[in-house]
Amino acid sequence: MAKTILLLETHHDDYSVNRIKDYTMTVGELLEILSQYNDDTPIALSNDGGYTYGKIGEDDITEEELDEDE
């Protein structure tokens, strides 16, 4: 039986995180989607249409303060 891996397709949408903050998904929306999968389903990034792949680890998750004036 084949094992499932959840791939997050990445896109280069803008050069400023402030400009995408209004149309990117929220943590709540992501959690709702992820709740449909088994807890042991691996997650990876799919870059450049599947040309390369990237792992996601705890050290890859960071926070950034948004400039509310922008």
PDB file of N, CA and C in Angstrom:
ATOM      1  N   MET A   1       0.843  -1.189   0.000  1.00  0.00           N
ATOM      2  CA  MET A   1       0.000   0.000   0.000  1.00  0.00           C
ATOM      3  C   MET A   1       0.885   1.249   0.000  1.00  0.00           C
ATOM      4  N   ALA A   2       0.522   2.216  -0.805  1.00  0.00           N
ATOM      5  CA  ALA A   2       1.311   3.442  -0.922  1.00  0.00           C
ATOM      6  C   ALA A   2       1.066   4.347   0.277  1.00  0.00           C
ATOM      7  N   LYS A   3       2.115   5.003   0.717  1.00  0.00           N
ATOM      8  CA  LYS A   3       2.016   5.975   1.805  1.00  0.00           C
ATOM      9  C   LYS A   3       1.777   7.358   1.213  1.00  0.00           C
ATOM     10  N   THR A   4       0.992   8.159   1.901  1.00  0.00           N
ATOM     11  CA  THR A   4       0.677   9.509   1.451  1.00  0.00           C
ATOM     12  C   THR A   4       1.641  10.510   2.065  1.00  0.00           C
ATOM     13  N   ILE A   5       2.056  11.491   1.266  1.00  0.00           N
ATOM     14  CA  ILE A   5       2.805  12.639   1.776  1.00  0.00           C
ATOM     15  C   ILE A   5       2.040  13.888   1.343  1.00  0.00           C
ATOM     16  N   LEU A   6       1.899  14.826   2.240  1.00  0.00           N
ATOM     17  CA  LEU A   6       1.205  16.071   1.954  1.00  0.00           C
ATOM     18  C   LEU A   6       2.227  17.070   1.438  1.00  0.00           C
ATOM     19  N   LEU A   7       2.014  17.574   0.214  1.00  0.00           N
ATOM     20  CA  LEU A   7       2.938  18.538  -0.388  1.00  0.00           C
ATOM     21  C   LEU A   7       2.319  19.927  -0.378  1.00  0.00           C
ATOM     22  N   LEU A   8       3.075  20.900   0.086  1.00  0.00           N
ATOM     23  CA  LEU A   8       2.675  22.296   0.030  1.00  0.00           C
ATOM     24  C   LEU A   8       3.385  22.928  -1.167  1.00  0.00           C
ATOM     25  N   GLU A   9       2.621  23.259  -2.202  1.00  0.00           N
ATOM     26  CA  GLU A   9       3.190  23.886  -3.394  1.00  0.00           C
ATOM     27  C   GLU A   9       3.591  25.319  -3.051  1.00  0.00           C
ATOM     28  N   THR A  10       4.819  25.677  -3.313  1.00  0.00           N
ATOM     29  CA  THR A  10       5.276  27.033  -3.009  1.00  0.00           C
ATOM     30  C   THR A  10       5.189  27.914  -4.252  1.00  0.00           C
ATOM     31  N   HIS A  11       4.973  29.203  -4.006  1.00  0.00           N
ATOM     32  CA  HIS A  11       4.870  30.177  -5.088  1.00  0.00           C
ATOM     33  C   HIS A  11       5.643  31.429  -4.691  1.00  0.00           C
ATOM     34  N   HIS A  12       6.170  32.105  -5.653  1.00  0.00           N
ATOM     35  CA  HIS A  12       6.848  33.391  -5.436  1.00  0.00           C
ATOM     36  C   HIS A  12       5.835  34.477  -5.777  1.00  0.00           C
ATOM     37  N   ASP A  13       5.114  34.976  -4.758  1.00  0.00           N
ATOM     38  CA  ASP A  13       4.021  35.901  -4.995  1.00  0.00           C
ATOM     39  C   ASP A  13       4.389  37.369  -4.845  1.00  0.00           C
ATOM     40  N   ASP A  14       5.364  37.687  -4.020  1.00  0.00           N
ATOM     41  CA  ASP A  14       5.691  39.085  -3.777  1.00  0.00           C
ATOM     42  C   ASP A  14       7.065  39.162  -3.123  1.00  0.00           C
ATOM     43  N   TYR A  15       7.592  40.364  -3.019  1.00  0.00           N
ATOM     44  CA  TYR A  15       8.874  40.572  -2.355  1.00  0.00           C
ATOM     45  C   TYR A  15       8.721  41.122  -0.954  1.00  0.00           C
ATOM     46  N   SER A  16       7.468  41.350  -0.509  1.00  0.00           N
ATOM     47  CA  SER A  16       7.216  41.881   0.823  1.00  0.00           C
ATOM     48  C   SER A  16       6.152  41.036   1.522  1.00  0.00           C
ATOM     49  N   VAL A  17       6.466  40.560   2.718  1.00  0.00           N
ATOM     50  CA  VAL A  17       5.497  39.786   3.483  1.00  0.00           C
ATOM     51  C   VAL A  17       4.298  40.661   3.856  1.00  0.00           C
ATOM     52  N   ASN A  18       4.517  41.949   3.991  1.00  0.00           N
ATOM     53  CA  ASN A  18       3.420  42.861   4.301  1.00  0.00           C
ATOM     54  C   ASN A  18       2.366  42.894   3.197  1.00  0.00           C
ATOM     55  N   ARG A  19       2.764  42.703   1.957  1.00  0.00           N
ATOM     56  CA  ARG A  19       1.805  42.774   0.849  1.00  0.00           C
ATOM     57  C   ARG A  19       1.019  41.481   0.684  1.00  0.00           C
ATOM     58  N   ILE A  20       1.475  40.367   1.246  1.00  0.00           N
ATOM     59  CA  ILE A  20       0.716  39.117   1.119  1.00  0.00           C
ATOM     60  C   ILE A  20      -0.093  38.795   2.371  1.00  0.00           C
ATOM     61  N   LYS A  21       0.070  39.575   3.430  1.00  0.00           N
ATOM     62  CA  LYS A  21      -0.582  39.252   4.704  1.00  0.00           C
ATOM     63  C   LYS A  21      -2.100  39.218   4.613  1.00  0.00           C
ATOM     64  N   ASP A  22      -2.688  39.952   3.681  1.00  0.00           N
ATOM     65  CA  ASP A  22      -4.137  40.004   3.580  1.00  0.00           C
ATOM     66  C   ASP A  22      -4.732  38.882   2.734  1.00  0.00           C
ATOM     67  N   TYR A  23      -3.911  38.145   1.988  1.00  0.00           N
ATOM     68  CA  TYR A  23      -4.470  37.064   1.180  1.00  0.00           C
ATOM     69  C   TYR A  23      -3.789  35.717   1.389  1.00  0.00           C
ATOM     70  N   THR A  24      -2.949  35.602   2.405  1.00  0.00           N
ATOM     71  CA  THR A  24      -2.408  34.293   2.749  1.00  0.00           C
ATOM     72  C   THR A  24      -3.310  33.663   3.815  1.00  0.00           C
ATOM     73  N   MET A  25      -3.284  32.351   3.944  1.00  0.00           N
ATOM     74  CA  MET A  25      -4.168  31.699   4.916  1.00  0.00           C
ATOM     75  C   MET A  25      -3.698  31.946   6.340  1.00  0.00           C
ATOM     76  N   THR A  26      -4.622  31.771   7.268  1.00  0.00           N
ATOM     77  CA  THR A  26      -4.319  31.955   8.684  1.00  0.00           C
ATOM     78  C   THR A  26      -3.933  30.612   9.308  1.00  0.00           C
ATOM     79  N   VAL A  27      -3.401  30.651  10.523  1.00  0.00           N
ATOM     80  CA  VAL A  27      -3.078  29.430  11.256  1.00  0.00           C
ATOM     81  C   VAL A  27      -4.339  28.583  11.425  1.00  0.00           C
ATOM     82  N   GLY A  28      -5.451  29.226  11.767  1.00  0.00           N
ATOM     83  CA  GLY A  28      -6.714  28.501  11.937  1.00  0.00           C
ATOM     84  C   GLY A  28      -7.145  27.781  10.671  1.00  0.00           C
ATOM     85  N   GLU A  29      -7.029  28.445   9.523  1.00  0.00           N
ATOM     86  CA  GLU A  29      -7.387  27.822   8.247  1.00  0.00           C
ATOM     87  C   GLU A  29      -6.471  26.649   7.933  1.00  0.00           C
ATOM     88  N   LEU A  30      -5.180  26.809   8.214  1.00  0.00           N
ATOM     89  CA  LEU A  30      -4.231  25.725   7.977  1.00  0.00           C
ATOM     90  C   LEU A  30      -4.525  24.537   8.889  1.00  0.00           C
ATOM     91  N   LEU A  31      -4.808  24.805  10.154  1.00  0.00           N
ATOM     92  CA  LEU A  31      -5.133  23.721  11.085  1.00  0.00           C
ATOM     93  C   LEU A  31      -6.384  22.966  10.648  1.00  0.00           C
ATOM     94  N   GLU A  32      -7.373  23.679  10.132  1.00  0.00           N
ATOM     95  CA  GLU A  32      -8.595  23.029   9.655  1.00  0.00           C
ATOM     96  C   GLU A  32      -8.290  22.077   8.500  1.00  0.00           C
ATOM     97  N   ILE A  33      -7.458  22.511   7.577  1.00  0.00           N
ATOM     98  CA  ILE A  33      -7.066  21.655   6.446  1.00  0.00           C
ATOM     99  C   ILE A  33      -6.265  20.451   6.942  1.00  0.00           C
ATOM    100  N   LEU A  34      -5.286  20.712   7.817  1.00  0.00           N
ATOM    101  CA  LEU A  34      -4.427  19.626   8.301  1.00  0.00           C
ATOM    102  C   LEU A  34      -5.201  18.612   9.137  1.00  0.00           C
ATOM    103  N   SER A  35      -6.301  19.033   9.755  1.00  0.00           N
ATOM    104  CA  SER A  35      -7.081  18.111  10.582  1.00  0.00           C
ATOM    105  C   SER A  35      -7.714  16.989   9.770  1.00  0.00           C
ATOM    106  N   GLN A  36      -7.735  17.109   8.454  1.00  0.00           N
ATOM    107  CA  GLN A  36      -8.285  16.082   7.576  1.00  0.00           C
ATOM    108  C   GLN A  36      -7.305  14.926   7.348  1.00  0.00           C
ATOM    109  N   TYR A  37      -6.071  15.086   7.796  1.00  0.00           N
ATOM    110  CA  TYR A  37      -5.021  14.091   7.556  1.00  0.00           C
ATOM    111  C   TYR A  37      -4.649  13.394   8.853  1.00  0.00           C
ATOM    112  N   ASN A  38      -4.117  12.193   8.722  1.00  0.00           N
ATOM    113  CA  ASN A  38      -3.614  11.472   9.888  1.00  0.00           C
ATOM    114  C   ASN A  38      -2.441  12.231  10.490  1.00  0.00           C
ATOM    115  N   ASP A  39      -2.291  12.136  11.800  1.00  0.00           N
ATOM    116  CA  ASP A  39      -1.211  12.846  12.500  1.00  0.00           C
ATOM    117  C   ASP A  39       0.178  12.422  12.037  1.00  0.00           C
ATOM    118  N   ASP A  40       0.312  11.225  11.480  1.00  0.00           N
ATOM    119  CA  ASP A  40       1.636  10.746  11.070  1.00  0.00           C
ATOM    120  C   ASP A  40       1.913  10.976   9.578  1.00  0.00           C
ATOM    121  N   THR A  41       1.065  11.766   8.900  1.00  0.00           N
ATOM    122  CA  THR A  41       1.291  12.062   7.482  1.00  0.00           C
ATOM    123  C   THR A  41       2.438  13.060   7.350  1.00  0.00           C
ATOM    124  N   PRO A  42       3.497  12.716   6.621  1.00  0.00           N
ATOM    125  CA  PRO A  42       4.608  13.654   6.439  1.00  0.00           C
ATOM    126  C   PRO A  42       4.194  14.833   5.559  1.00  0.00           C
ATOM    127  N   ILE A  43       4.827  15.982   5.801  1.00  0.00           N
ATOM    128  CA  ILE A  43       4.579  17.198   5.031  1.00  0.00           C
ATOM    129  C   ILE A  43       5.908  17.673   4.447  1.00  0.00           C
ATOM    130  N   ALA A  44       5.875  18.096   3.174  1.00  0.00           N
ATOM    131  CA  ALA A  44       7.070  18.634   2.529  1.00  0.00           C
ATOM    132  C   ALA A  44       6.660  19.789   1.629  1.00  0.00           C
ATOM    133  N   LEU A  45       7.633  20.584   1.233  1.00  0.00           N
ATOM    134  CA  LEU A  45       7.419  21.672   0.277  1.00  0.00           C
ATOM    135  C   LEU A  45       7.746  21.188  -1.126  1.00  0.00           C
ATOM    136  N   SER A  46       6.917  21.547  -2.072  1.00  0.00           N
ATOM    137  CA  SER A  46       7.181  21.262  -3.476  1.00  0.00           C
ATOM    138  C   SER A  46       7.517  22.594  -4.137  1.00  0.00           C
ATOM    139  N   ASN A  47       8.739  22.710  -4.629  1.00  0.00           N
ATOM    140  CA  ASN A  47       9.225  23.956  -5.222  1.00  0.00           C
ATOM    141  C   ASN A  47       9.306  23.836  -6.741  1.00  0.00           C
ATOM    142  N   ASP A  48       9.064  24.933  -7.406  1.00  0.00           N
ATOM    143  CA  ASP A  48       9.249  25.017  -8.863  1.00  0.00           C
ATOM    144  C   ASP A  48       8.519  23.904  -9.603  1.00  0.00           C
ATOM    145  N   GLY A  49       7.246  23.689  -9.251  1.00  0.00           N
ATOM    146  CA  GLY A  49       6.433  22.688  -9.946  1.00  0.00           C
ATOM    147  C   GLY A  49       6.892  21.261  -9.719  1.00  0.00           C
ATOM    148  N   GLY A  50       7.486  20.977  -8.591  1.00  0.00           N
ATOM    149  CA  GLY A  50       7.947  19.628  -8.290  1.00  0.00           C
ATOM    150  C   GLY A  50       9.357  19.332  -8.760  1.00  0.00           C
ATOM    151  N   TYR A  51      10.077  20.351  -9.164  1.00  0.00           N
ATOM    152  CA  TYR A  51      11.461  20.158  -9.603  1.00  0.00           C
ATOM    153  C   TYR A  51      12.362  19.858  -8.409  1.00  0.00           C
ATOM    154  N   THR A  52      12.118  20.535  -7.287  1.00  0.00           N
ATOM    155  CA  THR A  52      12.843  20.257  -6.049  1.00  0.00           C
ATOM    156  C   THR A  52      11.854  20.222  -4.892  1.00  0.00           C
ATOM    157  N   TYR A  53      12.270  19.610  -3.788  1.00  0.00           N
ATOM    158  CA  TYR A  53      11.435  19.455  -2.604  1.00  0.00           C
ATOM    159  C   TYR A  53      12.206  19.908  -1.373  1.00  0.00           C
ATOM    160  N   GLY A  54      11.464  20.326  -0.353  1.00  0.00           N
ATOM    161  CA  GLY A  54      12.107  20.767   0.879  1.00  0.00           C
ATOM    162  C   GLY A  54      11.385  20.206   2.086  1.00  0.00           C
ATOM    163  N   LYS A  55      12.147  19.905   3.111  1.00  0.00           N
ATOM    164  CA  LYS A  55      11.576  19.413   4.361  1.00  0.00           C
ATOM    165  C   LYS A  55      11.088  20.587   5.186  1.00  0.00           C
ATOM    166  N   ILE A  56      10.218  20.314   6.149  1.00  0.00           N
ATOM    167  CA  ILE A  56       9.748  21.330   7.091  1.00  0.00           C
ATOM    168  C   ILE A  56      10.038  20.802   8.485  1.00  0.00           C
ATOM    169  N   GLY A  57      10.804  21.564   9.237  1.00  0.00           N
ATOM    170  CA  GLY A  57      11.121  21.186  10.608  1.00  0.00           C
ATOM    171  C   GLY A  57      10.804  22.335  11.551  1.00  0.00           C
ATOM    172  N   GLU A  58      10.861  22.050  12.831  1.00  0.00           N
ATOM    173  CA  GLU A  58      10.555  23.068  13.834  1.00  0.00           C
ATOM    174  C   GLU A  58      11.437  24.298  13.683  1.00  0.00           C
ATOM    175  N   ASP A  59      12.695  24.096  13.333  1.00  0.00           N
ATOM    176  CA  ASP A  59      13.623  25.215  13.159  1.00  0.00           C
ATOM    177  C   ASP A  59      13.305  26.068  11.932  1.00  0.00           C
ATOM    178  N   ASP A  60      12.442  25.564  11.045  1.00  0.00           N
ATOM    179  CA  ASP A  60      12.081  26.302   9.838  1.00  0.00           C
ATOM    180  C   ASP A  60      10.919  27.265  10.075  1.00  0.00           C
ATOM    181  N   ILE A  61      10.307  27.219  11.241  1.00  0.00           N
ATOM    182  CA  ILE A  61       9.155  28.056  11.550  1.00  0.00           C
ATOM    183  C   ILE A  61       9.619  29.247  12.378  1.00  0.00           C
ATOM    184  N   THR A  62       9.391  30.437  11.856  1.00  0.00           N
ATOM    185  CA  THR A  62       9.814  31.665  12.547  1.00  0.00           C
ATOM    186  C   THR A  62       8.665  32.669  12.533  1.00  0.00           C
ATOM    187  N   GLU A  63       8.808  33.713  13.292  1.00  0.00           N
ATOM    188  CA  GLU A  63       7.837  34.805  13.309  1.00  0.00           C
ATOM    189  C   GLU A  63       8.511  36.070  12.819  1.00  0.00           C
ATOM    190  N   GLU A  64       7.709  36.947  12.227  1.00  0.00           N
ATOM    191  CA  GLU A  64       8.208  38.245  11.781  1.00  0.00           C
ATOM    192  C   GLU A  64       7.151  39.291  12.114  1.00  0.00           C
ATOM    193  N   GLU A  65       7.579  40.417  12.649  1.00  0.00           N
ATOM    194  CA  GLU A  65       6.653  41.506  12.943  1.00  0.00           C
ATOM    195  C   GLU A  65       6.273  42.205  11.641  1.00  0.00           C
ATOM    196  N   LEU A  66       4.979  42.475  11.462  1.00  0.00           N
ATOM    197  CA  LEU A  66       4.508  43.173  10.283  1.00  0.00           C
ATOM    198  C   LEU A  66       4.468  44.668  10.551  1.00  0.00           C
ATOM    199  N   ASP A  67       4.816  45.431   9.540  1.00  0.00           N
ATOM    200  CA  ASP A  67       4.738  46.881   9.620  1.00  0.00           C
ATOM    201  C   ASP A  67       3.313  47.277   9.257  1.00  0.00           C
ATOM    202  N   GLU A  68       2.520  47.698  10.226  1.00  0.00           N
ATOM    203  CA  GLU A  68       1.119  48.037  10.014  1.00  0.00           C
ATOM    204  C   GLU A  68       0.940  49.264   9.129  1.00  0.00           C
ATOM    205  N   ASP A  69       1.977  50.073   8.966  1.00  0.00           N
ATOM    206  CA  ASP A  69       1.889  51.279   8.141  1.00  0.00           C
ATOM    207  C   ASP A  69       2.020  50.965   6.653  1.00  0.00           C
ATOM    208  N   GLU A  70       2.524  49.787   6.346  1.00  0.00           N
ATOM    209  CA  GLU A  70       2.779  49.445   4.940  1.00  0.00           C
ATOM    210  C   GLU A  70       1.546  48.859   4.292  1.00  0.00           C
TER     211      GLU A  70
END
